[in-house]
């Protein structure tokens, strides 16, 4: 349910960008979505299809790039990427258990594709 407000933000942002570019229609929207952002891709797509009707973004294709979780180890100071759905229990470099997530919560519009007037 919390995907509705962020999808409204995506639509508003892209419509404004298309207006500034004097585009007649938005054909594609490229999003970056962190694995730990808490947003569900299918819900974003569902709300986008619903609220974009009758706008220049209607029918635009949403491309969602998933950003993996990155962690930084407090013991060995190395960074690593965690590709699983749950956080790791130890650093893969030194086995340390003190680390923090430093990425994977991102959410932003990377680019849009438009047709010009």
Foldseek 3Di string as FASTA:
>chain_A
DVLLVVLVVVVVVVLVVCVVVQFQAWAEWEKEAFLPQPDDPVVSVVNNCVVCPPHSHHNHYYHYHYDFWKKAAPPPRDIDTDHDSDDDCADPPPRHRDMDTDDRNDIDTPDIHGHHD
